[in-house]
C-alpha atoms as a PDB file:
ATOM      1  CA  MET A   1     135.354 172.831 142.659  1.00  0.00           C
ATOM      2  CA  ASN A   2     133.238 170.105 141.104  1.00  0.00           C
ATOM      3  CA  SER A   3     134.015 168.994 137.593  1.00  0.00           C
ATOM      4  CA  PRO A   4     131.090 168.960 135.123  1.00  0.00           C
ATOM      5  CA  GLN A   5     130.612 165.212 135.658  1.00  0.00           C
ATOM      6  CA  GLU A   6     130.490 165.365 139.454  1.00  0.00           C
ATOM      7  CA  LEU A   7     127.277 166.164 141.245  1.00  0.00           C
ATOM      8  CA  SER A   8     127.196 167.835 144.611  1.00  0.00           C
ATOM      9  CA  HIS A   9     125.503 166.094 147.510  1.00  0.00           C
ATOM     10  CA  GLU A  10     122.594 168.523 147.138  1.00  0.00           C
ATOM     11  CA  ASP A  11     122.257 167.764 143.416  1.00  0.00           C
ATOM     12  CA  VAL A  12     122.200 164.035 144.136  1.00  0.00           C
ATOM     13  CA  LEU A  13     119.477 164.576 146.739  1.00  0.00           C
ATOM     14  CA  ARG A  14     117.421 166.637 144.278  1.00  0.00           C
ATOM     15  CA  VAL A  15     117.618 163.884 141.646  1.00  0.00           C
ATOM     16  CA  LYS A  16     116.748 161.241 144.226  1.00  0.00           C
ATOM     17  CA  LEU A  17     113.845 163.392 145.410  1.00  0.00           C
ATOM     18  CA  GLU A  18     112.401 163.627 141.905  1.00  0.00           C
ATOM     19  CA  VAL A  19     112.714 159.861 141.407  1.00  0.00           C
ATOM     20  CA  LEU A  20     110.920 159.210 144.711  1.00  0.00           C
ATOM     21  CA  ARG A  21     108.173 161.693 143.842  1.00  0.00           C
ATOM     22  CA  GLN A  22     107.629 159.927 140.510  1.00  0.00           C
ATOM     23  CA  LYS A  23     107.431 156.541 142.243  1.00  0.00           C
ATOM     24  CA  HIS A  24     104.918 158.036 144.696  1.00  0.00           C
ATOM     25  CA  ARG A  25     102.755 159.288 141.804  1.00  0.00           C
ATOM     26  CA  ASP A  26     103.021 155.917 140.062  1.00  0.00           C
ATOM     27  CA  LEU A  27     101.868 154.121 143.202  1.00  0.00           C
ATOM     28  CA  ASP A  28      98.955 156.522 143.516  1.00  0.00           C
ATOM     29  CA  GLU A  29      97.865 155.702 139.964  1.00  0.00           C
ATOM     30  CA  ALA A  30      98.265 151.964 140.574  1.00  0.00           C
ATOM     31  CA  ILE A  31      96.167 152.175 143.744  1.00  0.00           C
ATOM     32  CA  MET A  32      93.392 154.055 141.928  1.00  0.00           C
ATOM     33  CA  ALA A  33      93.374 151.483 139.126  1.00  0.00           C
ATOM     34  CA  LEU A  34      93.181 148.596 141.602  1.00  0.00           C
ATOM     35  CA  GLN A  35      90.378 150.265 143.570  1.00  0.00           C
ATOM     36  CA  GLU A  36      88.270 150.217 140.428  1.00  0.00           C
ATOM     37  CA  LYS A  37      88.637 146.419 140.313  1.00  0.00           C
ATOM     38  CA  GLY A  38      86.841 146.055 143.609  1.00  0.00           C
ATOM     39  CA  PRO A  39      87.568 144.203 146.849  1.00  0.00           C
ATOM     40  CA  SER A  40      89.517 141.377 145.209  1.00  0.00           C
ATOM     41  CA  ALA A  41      92.641 143.559 145.161  1.00  0.00           C
ATOM     42  CA  ALA A  42      92.375 144.754 148.772  1.00  0.00           C
ATOM     43  CA  LEU A  43      95.575 143.074 149.964  1.00  0.00           C
ATOM     44  CA  THR A  44      97.601 144.495 147.078  1.00  0.00           C
ATOM     45  CA  ILE A  45      96.115 147.955 147.654  1.00  0.00           C
ATOM     46  CA  GLN A  46      97.068 147.769 151.333  1.00  0.00           C
ATOM     47  CA  ARG A  47     100.641 146.806 150.435  1.00  0.00           C
ATOM     48  CA  LEU A  48     100.907 149.630 147.885  1.00  0.00           C
ATOM     49  CA  LYS A  49      99.560 152.172 150.370  1.00  0.00           C
ATOM     50  CA  LYS A  50     102.201 151.139 152.915  1.00  0.00           C
ATOM     51  CA  GLU A  51     104.893 151.536 150.253  1.00  0.00           C
ATOM     52  CA  LYS A  52     103.466 154.928 149.341  1.00  0.00           C
ATOM     53  CA  LEU A  53     103.678 156.046 152.989  1.00  0.00           C
ATOM     54  CA  ARG A  54     107.263 154.792 153.203  1.00  0.00           C
ATOM     55  CA  LEU A  55     108.132 156.823 150.112  1.00  0.00           C
ATOM     56  CA  LYS A  56     106.422 159.905 151.549  1.00  0.00           C
ATOM     57  CA  ASP A  57     108.518 159.610 154.715  1.00  0.00           C
ATOM     58  CA  HIS A  58     111.689 159.272 152.634  1.00  0.00           C
ATOM     59  CA  ILE A  59     110.678 162.292 150.533  1.00  0.00           C
ATOM     60  CA  SER A  60     110.090 164.325 153.706  1.00  0.00           C
ATOM     61  CA  ARG A  61     113.514 163.413 155.092  1.00  0.00           C
ATOM     62  CA  ILE A  62     115.238 164.518 151.886  1.00  0.00           C
ATOM     63  CA  GLU A  63     113.214 167.751 151.741  1.00  0.00           C
ATOM     64  CA  ASP A  64     114.205 168.473 155.343  1.00  0.00           C
ATOM     65  CA  GLU A  65     117.854 167.906 154.468  1.00  0.00           C
ATOM     66  CA  LEU A  66     117.615 170.266 151.490  1.00  0.00           C
ATOM     67  CA  THR A  67     115.848 172.987 153.461  1.00  0.00           C
ATOM     68  CA  PRO A  68     118.266 175.100 155.455  1.00  0.00           C
ATOM     69  CA  ASP A  69     117.581 175.572 159.142  1.00  0.00           C
ATOM     70  CA  ILE A  70     116.369 179.057 160.027  1.00  0.00           C
ATOM     71  CA  ILE A  71     117.642 180.347 163.333  1.00  0.00           C
ATOM     72  CA  ALA A  72     114.922 182.418 164.950  1.00  0.00           C
END
Protein backbone atom coordinates (compact mmCIF):
# COMPACT_ATOMS: atom_id res chain seq x y z
CA MET A 1 0.00 0.00 0.00
CA ASN A 2 1.18 3.53 -0.69
CA SER A 3 2.43 5.61 2.18
CA PRO A 4 0.87 9.08 2.58
CA GLN A 5 3.83 10.69 0.79
CA GLU A 6 3.74 8.41 -2.24
CA LEU A 7 1.43 9.13 -5.13
CA SER A 8 0.06 6.43 -7.35
CA HIS A 9 0.74 6.55 -11.07
CA GLU A 10 -2.86 7.68 -11.59
CA ASP A 11 -2.49 10.49 -9.03
CA VAL A 12 0.68 11.69 -10.75
CA LEU A 13 -1.13 11.70 -14.09
CA ARG A 14 -4.03 13.69 -12.61
CA VAL A 15 -1.65 16.33 -11.23
CA LYS A 16 0.22 16.49 -14.53
CA LEU A 17 -3.10 16.79 -16.37
CA GLU A 18 -4.15 19.78 -14.27
CA VAL A 19 -0.79 21.49 -14.83
CA LEU A 20 -1.07 20.97 -18.60
CA ARG A 21 -4.65 22.27 -18.62
CA GLN A 22 -3.52 25.41 -16.79
CA LYS A 23 -0.69 25.94 -19.28
CA HIS A 24 -3.20 25.50 -22.11
CA ARG A 25 -5.48 28.16 -20.58
CA ASP A 26 -2.52 30.49 -20.06
CA LEU A 27 -1.50 30.13 -23.70
CA ASP A 28 -5.06 30.86 -24.78
CA GLU A 29 -5.02 34.09 -22.77
CA ALA A 30 -1.61 35.06 -24.16
CA ILE A 31 -2.80 34.45 -27.73
CA MET A 32 -5.90 36.60 -27.19
CA ALA A 33 -3.79 39.42 -25.74
CA LEU A 34 -1.36 39.29 -28.67
CA GLN A 35 -4.19 39.25 -31.22
CA GLU A 36 -5.34 42.59 -29.85
CA LYS A 37 -1.91 44.05 -30.69
CA GLY A 38 -2.45 43.41 -34.37
CA PRO A 39 -0.40 41.75 -37.11
CA SER A 40 2.98 42.65 -35.62
CA ALA A 41 2.75 39.65 -33.28
CA ALA A 42 1.69 37.13 -35.93
CA LEU A 43 4.83 34.99 -35.69
CA THR A 44 4.59 34.77 -31.90
CA ILE A 45 0.88 33.93 -32.12
CA GLN A 46 1.64 31.14 -34.59
CA ARG A 47 4.30 29.71 -32.28
CA LEU A 48 1.96 29.86 -29.27
CA LYS A 49 -0.84 28.17 -31.20
CA LYS A 50 1.49 25.30 -32.13
CA GLU A 51 2.48 24.94 -28.48
CA LYS A 52 -1.18 24.99 -27.50
CA LEU A 53 -1.92 22.16 -29.95
CA ARG A 54 1.02 20.17 -28.60
CA LEU A 55 -0.34 20.59 -25.08
CA LYS A 56 -3.82 19.54 -26.21
CA ASP A 57 -2.39 16.34 -27.71
CA HIS A 58 -0.51 15.62 -24.48
CA ILE A 59 -3.67 16.28 -22.44
CA SER A 60 -5.62 13.88 -24.67
CA ARG A 61 -3.02 11.13 -24.23
CA ILE A 62 -3.15 11.45 -20.44
CA GLU A 63 -6.97 11.50 -20.44
CA ASP A 64 -6.96 8.35 -22.56
CA GLU A 65 -4.60 6.68 -20.10
CA LEU A 66 -6.82 7.63 -17.16
CA THR A 67 -10.01 6.45 -18.85
CA PRO A 68 -10.49 2.71 -18.53
CA ASP A 69 -11.15 0.74 -21.68
CA ILE A 70 -14.73 -0.48 -21.99
CA ILE A 71 -15.07 -3.90 -23.56
CA ALA A 72 -18.21 -3.94 -25.67
